[in-house]
Amino acid sequence: MRARPHRDDSIQSRPESADPCATMSPDLKPGIRYRYRYTVSETKTVPNLYPEFGEFREMPEVFATGFLVGLLEGACQLAIKPYLDWPREQSLGTHVNFSHLAATPPGLTVTVDCEVLAVDGRRVVGETWLREARSRGMLLLAPTSRSRTWSIMGGPDVDGDARGEMVEAVAARHPVDRGRVLLTGMSDGATYALLLGLREGLPFTHLAPACGVLHPFLLADGGIARARGRPVYLVHGALDWMFPVPAARLARDMLAAAGARLVHREIEDLSHTYPRDENPRILDWLMAA
């Protein structure tokens, strides 16, 4: 069995770190791949899950999904550990999305293939958009910020021009539908997607921010007016603890008032994490535009 999960990691600095916001190694970047093979042990079967639940002990002795989560976590840690200042910097999984479809008895081997697709500040993203993009014949770019987060903190924008240049570089080699160039991001990346996407002179036609907020700069310099007629797919979690839902609703109302062609999705059981299940809807929305 080969598992190719979607998984998000947050890189955590331990308390003894002199600078908990220090920039991560520039070598930690998209394209890193790692393979881990594990022979299923009898101790990792369903009956060995939580002893508090007697029902588990009555179930078949096959590899437990609960232990599979731990295996994916461990393999992803090993994939990026060489690029961390371990143990000062450590990897903590914050979201997984996979299907466990085949029963695996003890003695058989599980293969985990890991790939880093994006590094967003201190968040490392595994397979997120790749499957949906490939299945629809779309080109996918997964850049990372040049500093510890995107250019939203009030200093010079060191990320924006490079994003536009990346699109132009791809368009020089591949056919690109200039009417469907999507910019998306999560958390700070979502806030930056709105800020950058409403800037003049860049190629992005559609915006799909997830779990972010409207940047004050858009209000201060009148940039929100450039949302008129712009397709925006706004996603937020009702349980978001980082950017509470009233902030997302304010962004929704201001974008709608500015004339954006807005789709707003407030997901009841979503906290501050990437809404993986929205990817097909977002891409179908983009294709139907």
Protein backbone atom coordinates (compact mmCIF):
# COMPACT_ATOMS: atom_id res chain seq x y z
CA MET A 1 0.00 0.00 0.00
CA ARG A 2 1.33 3.45 -0.86
CA ALA A 3 0.04 6.47 1.00
CA ARG A 4 0.22 9.97 -0.49
CA PRO A 5 -1.51 12.11 2.12
CA HIS A 6 -2.16 15.80 2.27
CA ARG A 7 -0.54 17.11 5.43
CA ASP A 8 0.30 20.51 6.84
CA ASP A 9 3.17 20.99 9.28
CA SER A 10 3.87 23.96 11.49
CA ILE A 11 7.51 24.45 12.42
CA GLN A 12 7.70 25.14 16.15
CA SER A 13 10.64 26.79 17.91
CA ARG A 14 11.26 25.49 21.43
CA PRO A 15 11.24 27.93 24.39
CA GLU A 16 15.02 27.98 24.69
CA SER A 17 15.30 29.40 21.16
CA ALA A 18 16.99 32.80 21.13
CA ASP A 19 14.84 33.92 18.22
CA PRO A 20 11.54 32.01 17.85
CA CYS A 21 10.70 33.96 14.68
CA ALA A 22 14.00 33.28 12.94
CA THR A 23 13.73 32.50 9.26
CA MET A 24 13.87 28.81 8.45
CA SER A 25 16.59 27.32 6.31
CA PRO A 26 16.33 28.45 2.66
CA ASP A 27 17.00 24.83 1.73
CA LEU A 28 13.56 23.86 3.08
CA LYS A 29 11.61 24.44 -0.11
CA PRO A 30 9.16 22.79 -2.53
CA GLY A 31 10.42 19.70 -4.29
CA ILE A 32 11.86 17.85 -1.29
CA ARG A 33 10.87 14.18 -1.51
CA TYR A 34 11.24 11.33 0.91
CA ARG A 35 10.14 7.69 0.99
CA TYR A 36 9.64 5.63 4.11
CA ARG A 37 8.77 1.93 4.22
CA TYR A 38 7.23 0.37 7.29
CA THR A 39 6.49 -3.30 7.95
CA VAL A 40 3.28 -3.49 9.92
CA SER A 41 3.79 -4.85 13.41
CA GLU A 42 1.20 -6.84 15.38
CA THR A 43 1.29 -4.04 17.96
CA LYS A 44 -0.05 -1.55 15.39
CA THR A 45 -3.32 -3.28 14.60
CA VAL A 46 -6.82 -2.08 15.47
CA PRO A 47 -7.19 -4.17 18.67
CA ASN A 48 -4.16 -2.31 20.08
CA LEU A 49 -5.74 1.12 19.85
CA TYR A 50 -7.09 2.87 22.94
CA PRO A 51 -7.68 0.21 25.61
CA GLU A 52 -10.48 2.42 26.98
CA PHE A 53 -12.61 1.30 24.02
CA GLY A 54 -13.29 -2.41 24.32
CA GLU A 55 -14.85 -2.47 20.85
CA PHE A 56 -11.40 -2.08 19.30
CA ARG A 57 -10.27 -5.38 20.80
CA GLU A 58 -13.07 -7.17 18.94
CA MET A 59 -12.03 -5.85 15.54
CA PRO A 60 -9.76 -7.46 12.90
CA GLU A 61 -6.00 -7.45 13.39
CA VAL A 62 -5.13 -5.12 10.54
CA PHE A 63 -3.14 -1.88 10.45
CA ALA A 64 -5.15 0.74 12.35
CA THR A 65 -5.96 4.09 10.79
CA GLY A 66 -5.02 5.68 14.11
CA PHE A 67 -1.49 4.28 13.82
CA LEU A 68 -1.38 5.21 10.13
CA VAL A 69 -1.77 8.87 11.12
CA GLY A 70 1.27 8.51 13.36
CA LEU A 71 3.22 6.84 10.56
CA LEU A 72 2.45 9.70 8.19
CA GLU A 73 3.45 12.20 10.86
CA GLY A 74 6.76 10.41 11.48
CA ALA A 75 7.61 10.07 7.80
CA CYS A 76 6.94 13.76 7.17
CA GLN A 77 9.12 14.67 10.14
CA LEU A 78 11.97 12.62 8.71
CA ALA A 79 11.47 14.26 5.32
CA ILE A 80 12.12 17.77 6.60
CA LYS A 81 14.29 17.10 9.67
CA PRO A 82 17.58 17.61 7.75
CA TYR A 83 16.43 21.17 7.00
CA LEU A 84 15.54 22.06 10.61
CA ASP A 85 17.68 23.11 13.54
CA TRP A 86 16.57 20.01 15.43
CA PRO A 87 15.62 19.84 18.30
CA ARG A 88 15.29 23.63 18.61
CA GLU A 89 12.97 23.56 15.61
CA GLN A 90 10.46 20.74 15.40
CA SER A 91 7.64 19.74 13.09
CA LEU A 92 4.07 19.55 14.39
CA GLY A 93 1.35 18.22 12.11
CA THR A 94 -1.79 20.38 12.08
CA HIS A 95 -3.95 18.83 9.35
CA VAL A 96 -4.14 15.52 7.51
CA ASN A 97 -6.44 14.41 4.72
CA PHE A 98 -6.22 10.89 3.32
CA SER A 99 -8.24 7.77 2.62
CA HIS A 100 -7.36 4.41 4.15
CA LEU A 101 -8.98 2.02 1.69
CA ALA A 102 -7.07 -1.26 1.96
CA ALA A 103 -6.76 -3.54 4.99
CA THR A 104 -3.09 -4.29 5.72
CA PRO A 105 -2.32 -7.25 8.01
CA PRO A 106 0.90 -7.57 10.05
CA GLY A 107 3.95 -8.46 8.00
CA LEU A 108 3.02 -6.43 4.94
CA THR A 109 4.81 -3.22 4.02
CA VAL A 110 3.32 0.27 3.86
CA THR A 111 5.17 2.81 1.71
CA VAL A 112 4.80 6.51 2.47
CA ASP A 113 5.88 8.97 -0.24
CA CYS A 114 6.28 12.52 1.02
CA GLU A 115 6.73 15.66 -1.02
CA VAL A 116 6.96 19.29 0.07
CA LEU A 117 4.82 21.41 -2.24
CA ALA A 118 4.94 24.76 -0.45
CA VAL A 119 6.57 26.51 2.48
CA ASP A 120 4.34 29.33 3.74
CA GLY A 121 6.21 31.20 6.46
CA ARG A 122 6.70 28.53 9.11
CA ARG A 123 4.07 26.21 7.61
CA VAL A 124 5.13 23.35 5.34
CA VAL A 125 2.46 22.05 2.97
CA GLY A 126 2.38 18.55 1.56
CA GLU A 127 0.13 17.38 -1.24
CA THR A 128 -2.66 19.98 -1.33
CA TRP A 129 -3.58 21.15 -4.83
CA LEU A 130 -1.61 18.75 -6.98
CA ARG A 131 -4.21 16.03 -7.55
CA GLU A 132 -7.05 18.42 -8.41
CA ALA A 133 -4.87 20.56 -10.64
CA ARG A 134 -3.52 17.58 -12.58
CA SER A 135 -6.96 16.05 -13.06
CA ARG A 136 -8.19 19.31 -14.64
CA GLY A 137 -5.15 19.93 -16.82
CA MET A 138 -4.11 22.98 -14.84
CA LEU A 139 -0.67 24.43 -14.20
CA LEU A 140 0.28 24.78 -10.52
CA LEU A 141 2.80 27.13 -8.90
CA ALA A 142 3.59 26.74 -5.20
CA PRO A 143 5.94 29.57 -4.17
CA THR A 144 7.05 30.40 -0.66
CA SER A 145 7.52 33.75 1.02
CA ARG A 146 10.96 35.33 0.96
CA SER A 147 10.82 36.15 4.67
CA ARG A 148 9.22 34.41 7.63
CA THR A 149 5.79 35.32 6.28
CA TRP A 150 4.32 37.16 3.31
CA SER A 151 4.74 40.91 2.82
CA ILE A 152 1.86 42.06 5.01
CA MET A 153 3.71 43.57 7.99
CA GLY A 154 4.14 47.11 6.68
CA GLY A 155 7.61 46.92 5.16
CA PRO A 156 8.47 46.77 1.46
CA ASP A 157 6.72 44.12 -0.61
CA VAL A 158 9.47 41.64 -1.43
CA ASP A 159 7.11 38.95 -2.74
CA GLY A 160 4.69 40.54 -5.18
CA ASP A 161 6.77 41.22 -8.28
CA ALA A 162 8.35 37.78 -8.04
CA ARG A 163 4.90 36.14 -8.10
CA GLY A 164 4.04 37.96 -11.30
CA GLU A 165 7.39 37.07 -12.83
CA MET A 166 6.81 33.39 -12.03
CA VAL A 167 3.53 33.43 -13.91
CA GLU A 168 5.18 35.11 -16.90
CA ALA A 169 8.02 32.57 -16.87
CA VAL A 170 5.55 29.69 -16.96
CA ALA A 171 3.47 31.39 -19.66
CA ALA A 172 6.57 31.67 -21.83
CA ARG A 173 6.87 27.88 -21.87
CA HIS A 174 3.28 26.66 -21.57
CA PRO A 175 -0.11 27.82 -22.86
CA VAL A 176 -1.77 29.85 -20.10
CA ASP A 177 -5.40 30.97 -20.16
CA ARG A 178 -4.94 34.63 -19.21
CA GLY A 179 -8.58 34.82 -18.19
CA ARG A 180 -8.13 32.19 -15.48
CA VAL A 181 -5.09 32.86 -13.30
CA LEU A 182 -5.96 31.99 -9.71
CA LEU A 183 -4.16 33.31 -6.63
CA THR A 184 -4.87 31.59 -3.34
CA GLY A 185 -3.38 31.26 0.11
CA MET A 186 -4.18 30.37 3.70
CA SER A 187 -3.92 32.53 6.86
CA ASP A 188 -1.25 35.20 6.20
CA GLY A 189 -1.16 33.83 2.67
CA ALA A 190 -4.88 34.54 2.31
CA THR A 191 -4.49 38.11 3.57
CA TYR A 192 -1.62 38.59 1.13
CA ALA A 193 -3.57 37.00 -1.73
CA LEU A 194 -6.22 39.70 -1.35
CA LEU A 195 -3.63 42.45 -0.95
CA LEU A 196 -1.55 41.36 -3.93
CA GLY A 197 -4.44 40.20 -6.07
CA LEU A 198 -6.05 43.63 -5.96
CA ARG A 199 -2.85 45.37 -6.96
CA GLU A 200 -2.67 46.80 -10.48
CA GLY A 201 -0.39 45.36 -13.12
CA LEU A 202 -0.35 41.73 -11.97
CA PRO A 203 -1.77 38.77 -13.92
CA PHE A 204 -4.14 37.33 -11.30
CA THR A 205 -7.78 37.24 -12.38
CA HIS A 206 -9.38 35.16 -9.61
CA LEU A 207 -8.72 35.14 -5.86
CA ALA A 208 -9.47 32.36 -3.36
CA PRO A 209 -8.27 33.35 0.13
CA ALA A 210 -8.82 30.85 2.96
CA CYS A 211 -8.89 31.72 6.67
CA GLY A 212 -7.45 35.21 6.29
CA VAL A 213 -8.60 38.81 6.71
CA LEU A 214 -8.85 41.98 4.67
CA HIS A 215 -5.61 43.96 4.97
CA PRO A 216 -6.04 47.54 6.27
CA PHE A 217 -3.86 48.82 3.39
CA LEU A 218 -6.70 48.00 1.00
CA LEU A 219 -8.93 50.43 2.88
CA ALA A 220 -6.30 53.11 3.44
CA ASP A 221 -5.26 53.51 -0.20
CA GLY A 222 -8.60 52.72 -1.81
CA GLY A 223 -7.38 49.43 -3.22
CA ILE A 224 -10.64 47.76 -2.22
CA ALA A 225 -12.27 49.58 -5.16
CA ARG A 226 -10.29 47.34 -7.51
CA ALA A 227 -12.41 44.42 -6.31
CA ARG A 228 -15.26 45.59 -8.57
CA GLY A 229 -16.08 42.77 -10.95
CA ARG A 230 -13.28 40.58 -9.57
CA PRO A 231 -14.21 36.93 -8.90
CA VAL A 232 -13.40 36.12 -5.26
CA TYR A 233 -13.98 32.78 -3.51
CA LEU A 234 -13.77 33.54 0.21
CA VAL A 235 -13.48 30.60 2.64
CA HIS A 236 -13.41 30.78 6.44
CA GLY A 237 -13.98 28.45 9.36
CA ALA A 238 -16.66 29.17 11.93
CA LEU A 239 -14.26 27.81 14.58
CA ASP A 240 -11.26 29.90 13.49
CA TRP A 241 -9.35 30.99 16.60
CA MET A 242 -6.67 33.02 14.79
CA PHE A 243 -9.01 35.25 12.75
CA PRO A 244 -12.47 35.02 14.36
CA VAL A 245 -15.39 34.72 12.01
CA PRO A 246 -16.64 38.34 12.49
CA ALA A 247 -13.43 39.52 10.79
CA ALA A 248 -14.14 37.23 7.84
CA ARG A 249 -17.72 38.46 7.62
CA LEU A 250 -16.46 42.03 7.58
CA ALA A 251 -14.20 41.15 4.65
CA ARG A 252 -17.17 39.50 2.92
CA ASP A 253 -19.36 42.57 3.39
CA MET A 254 -16.69 45.03 2.24
CA LEU A 255 -15.81 42.99 -0.85
CA ALA A 256 -19.48 42.68 -1.73
CA ALA A 257 -20.00 46.42 -1.24
CA ALA A 258 -17.03 47.07 -3.54
CA GLY A 259 -18.71 45.04 -6.28
CA ALA A 260 -16.70 41.81 -6.18
CA ARG A 261 -18.26 38.73 -7.77
CA LEU A 262 -18.20 36.98 -4.46
CA VAL A 263 -18.64 33.39 -3.35
CA HIS A 264 -18.56 33.13 0.45
CA ARG A 265 -18.16 29.81 2.25
CA GLU A 266 -18.31 29.70 6.04
CA ILE A 267 -17.57 26.12 7.09
CA GLU A 268 -19.12 25.10 10.40
CA ASP A 269 -16.55 22.55 11.58
CA LEU A 270 -13.41 24.28 10.23
CA SER A 271 -10.87 25.85 12.57
CA HIS A 272 -7.75 27.76 11.48
CA THR A 273 -6.52 25.17 9.01
CA TYR A 274 -6.54 24.67 5.27
CA PRO A 275 -9.97 23.60 3.89
CA ARG A 276 -8.66 20.80 1.69
CA ASP A 277 -12.14 19.67 0.62
CA GLU A 278 -12.77 23.07 -0.97
CA ASN A 279 -10.11 22.57 -3.65
CA PRO A 280 -12.36 20.81 -6.20
CA ARG A 281 -15.08 23.43 -5.71
CA ILE A 282 -12.61 26.29 -6.14
CA LEU A 283 -11.14 24.85 -9.33
CA ASP A 284 -14.58 24.06 -10.77
CA TRP A 285 -15.58 27.66 -9.97
CA LEU A 286 -12.47 28.87 -11.77
CA MET A 287 -13.16 26.71 -14.83
CA ALA A 288 -16.79 27.84 -15.02
CA ALA A 289 -15.87 31.54 -14.93
